[in-house]
N, C-alpha and C. Protein backbone atom coordinates (compact mmCIF):
# COMPACT_ATOMS: atom_id res chain seq x y z
N MET A 1 -51.11 -24.86 94.08
CA MET A 1 -52.08 -25.25 95.11
C MET A 1 -53.50 -25.13 94.57
N PHE A 2 -53.77 -24.02 93.89
CA PHE A 2 -55.11 -23.83 93.33
C PHE A 2 -55.40 -24.86 92.25
N TRP A 3 -54.40 -25.16 91.44
CA TRP A 3 -54.63 -26.11 90.35
C TRP A 3 -54.77 -27.53 90.85
N SER A 4 -54.07 -27.87 91.93
CA SER A 4 -54.22 -29.21 92.50
C SER A 4 -55.62 -29.38 93.09
N PHE A 5 -56.13 -28.32 93.70
CA PHE A 5 -57.50 -28.35 94.21
C PHE A 5 -58.49 -28.49 93.06
N TYR A 6 -58.25 -27.76 91.98
CA TYR A 6 -59.09 -27.83 90.79
C TYR A 6 -59.10 -29.25 90.22
N GLN A 7 -57.94 -29.86 90.10
CA GLN A 7 -57.85 -31.22 89.57
C GLN A 7 -58.52 -32.22 90.50
N HIS A 8 -58.43 -32.00 91.80
CA HIS A 8 -59.05 -32.90 92.77
C HIS A 8 -60.57 -32.86 92.63
N ILE A 9 -61.13 -31.66 92.58
CA ILE A 9 -62.59 -31.54 92.41
C ILE A 9 -63.02 -32.10 91.06
N LEU A 10 -62.22 -31.81 90.03
CA LEU A 10 -62.53 -32.31 88.70
C LEU A 10 -62.56 -33.83 88.69
N PHE A 11 -61.60 -34.45 89.36
CA PHE A 11 -61.54 -35.91 89.41
C PHE A 11 -62.72 -36.48 90.19
N ARG A 12 -63.09 -35.82 91.28
CA ARG A 12 -64.19 -36.30 92.11
C ARG A 12 -65.52 -36.20 91.38
N LEU A 13 -65.74 -35.10 90.67
CA LEU A 13 -67.03 -34.88 90.01
C LEU A 13 -67.09 -35.47 88.60
N ASN A 14 -65.97 -35.99 88.13
CA ASN A 14 -65.92 -36.48 86.76
C ASN A 14 -66.87 -37.66 86.55
N HIS A 15 -67.15 -38.41 87.60
CA HIS A 15 -68.03 -39.57 87.48
C HIS A 15 -69.50 -39.16 87.48
N ALA A 16 -69.78 -37.98 88.02
CA ALA A 16 -71.17 -37.56 88.17
C ALA A 16 -71.63 -36.65 87.03
N MET A 17 -70.72 -35.95 86.39
CA MET A 17 -71.10 -34.97 85.37
C MET A 17 -70.27 -35.15 84.10
N PRO A 18 -70.80 -34.72 82.97
CA PRO A 18 -70.01 -34.71 81.73
C PRO A 18 -68.87 -33.70 81.81
N ASP A 19 -67.87 -33.90 80.99
CA ASP A 19 -66.69 -33.04 81.03
C ASP A 19 -67.03 -31.60 80.63
N TYR A 20 -67.90 -31.43 79.65
CA TYR A 20 -68.19 -30.07 79.20
C TYR A 20 -68.92 -29.27 80.28
N MET A 21 -69.75 -29.94 81.08
CA MET A 21 -70.43 -29.26 82.17
C MET A 21 -69.41 -28.79 83.21
N LEU A 22 -68.46 -29.66 83.54
CA LEU A 22 -67.42 -29.30 84.51
C LEU A 22 -66.58 -28.14 84.00
N GLN A 23 -66.20 -28.21 82.74
CA GLN A 23 -65.37 -27.15 82.16
C GLN A 23 -66.12 -25.82 82.18
N LEU A 24 -67.42 -25.86 81.89
CA LEU A 24 -68.21 -24.64 81.88
C LEU A 24 -68.30 -24.05 83.29
N ILE A 25 -68.59 -24.90 84.27
CA ILE A 25 -68.74 -24.43 85.66
C ILE A 25 -67.42 -23.86 86.17
N PHE A 26 -66.32 -24.60 85.99
CA PHE A 26 -65.03 -24.14 86.51
C PHE A 26 -64.52 -22.93 85.75
N PHE A 27 -64.86 -22.83 84.46
CA PHE A 27 -64.47 -21.65 83.70
C PHE A 27 -65.14 -20.41 84.27
N GLN A 28 -66.43 -20.53 84.62
CA GLN A 28 -67.14 -19.40 85.21
C GLN A 28 -66.52 -19.02 86.55
N HIS A 29 -66.15 -20.02 87.36
CA HIS A 29 -65.55 -19.73 88.66
C HIS A 29 -64.18 -19.07 88.50
N ILE A 30 -63.39 -19.55 87.55
CA ILE A 30 -62.06 -18.98 87.33
C ILE A 30 -62.18 -17.54 86.83
N VAL A 31 -63.12 -17.28 85.93
CA VAL A 31 -63.31 -15.91 85.43
C VAL A 31 -63.74 -14.99 86.56
N ARG A 32 -64.66 -15.47 87.39
CA ARG A 32 -65.14 -14.64 88.51
C ARG A 32 -64.00 -14.38 89.50
N PHE A 33 -63.19 -15.41 89.79
CA PHE A 33 -62.05 -15.26 90.69
C PHE A 33 -61.04 -14.27 90.10
N TYR A 34 -60.79 -14.37 88.80
CA TYR A 34 -59.84 -13.48 88.15
C TYR A 34 -60.33 -12.03 88.17
N LEU A 35 -61.62 -11.84 87.91
CA LEU A 35 -62.18 -10.49 87.90
C LEU A 35 -62.11 -9.86 89.29
N THR A 36 -62.45 -10.60 90.32
CA THR A 36 -62.40 -10.05 91.68
C THR A 36 -60.95 -9.78 92.08
N TYR A 37 -60.02 -10.63 91.66
CA TYR A 37 -58.61 -10.44 91.98
C TYR A 37 -58.06 -9.18 91.32
N THR A 38 -58.34 -8.99 90.04
CA THR A 38 -57.86 -7.81 89.33
C THR A 38 -58.56 -6.56 89.86
N GLU A 39 -59.82 -6.68 90.24
CA GLU A 39 -60.55 -5.53 90.76
C GLU A 39 -59.95 -5.09 92.09
N SER A 40 -59.60 -6.03 92.95
CA SER A 40 -58.98 -5.69 94.23
C SER A 40 -57.59 -5.08 93.99
N ASN A 41 -56.87 -5.56 92.97
CA ASN A 41 -55.57 -4.98 92.65
C ASN A 41 -55.72 -3.55 92.14
N ASN A 42 -56.73 -3.32 91.33
CA ASN A 42 -56.97 -1.97 90.81
C ASN A 42 -57.33 -1.02 91.95
N ASN A 43 -58.14 -1.47 92.88
CA ASN A 43 -58.52 -0.63 94.01
C ASN A 43 -57.29 -0.32 94.87
N ARG A 44 -56.41 -1.29 95.00
CA ARG A 44 -55.21 -1.10 95.79
C ARG A 44 -54.29 -0.06 95.12
N GLN A 45 -54.20 -0.12 93.80
CA GLN A 45 -53.36 0.83 93.07
C GLN A 45 -53.96 2.24 93.13
N VAL A 46 -55.28 2.32 93.07
CA VAL A 46 -55.94 3.63 93.13
C VAL A 46 -55.73 4.26 94.50
N SER A 47 -55.80 3.46 95.55
CA SER A 47 -55.61 3.99 96.90
C SER A 47 -54.20 4.55 97.07
N HIS A 48 -53.22 3.91 96.43
CA HIS A 48 -51.86 4.43 96.47
C HIS A 48 -51.75 5.63 95.54
């Protein structure tokens, strides 16, 4: 589901921006999402 959304946005913005700009932006979003996800998992494990 997340990847289909990613591909949809990528396809929509592909006409407006270069590919490297899109890859850079989405890479930053994925890293931020991953960090917050692992951080919430770590907090959950610490609480237990």
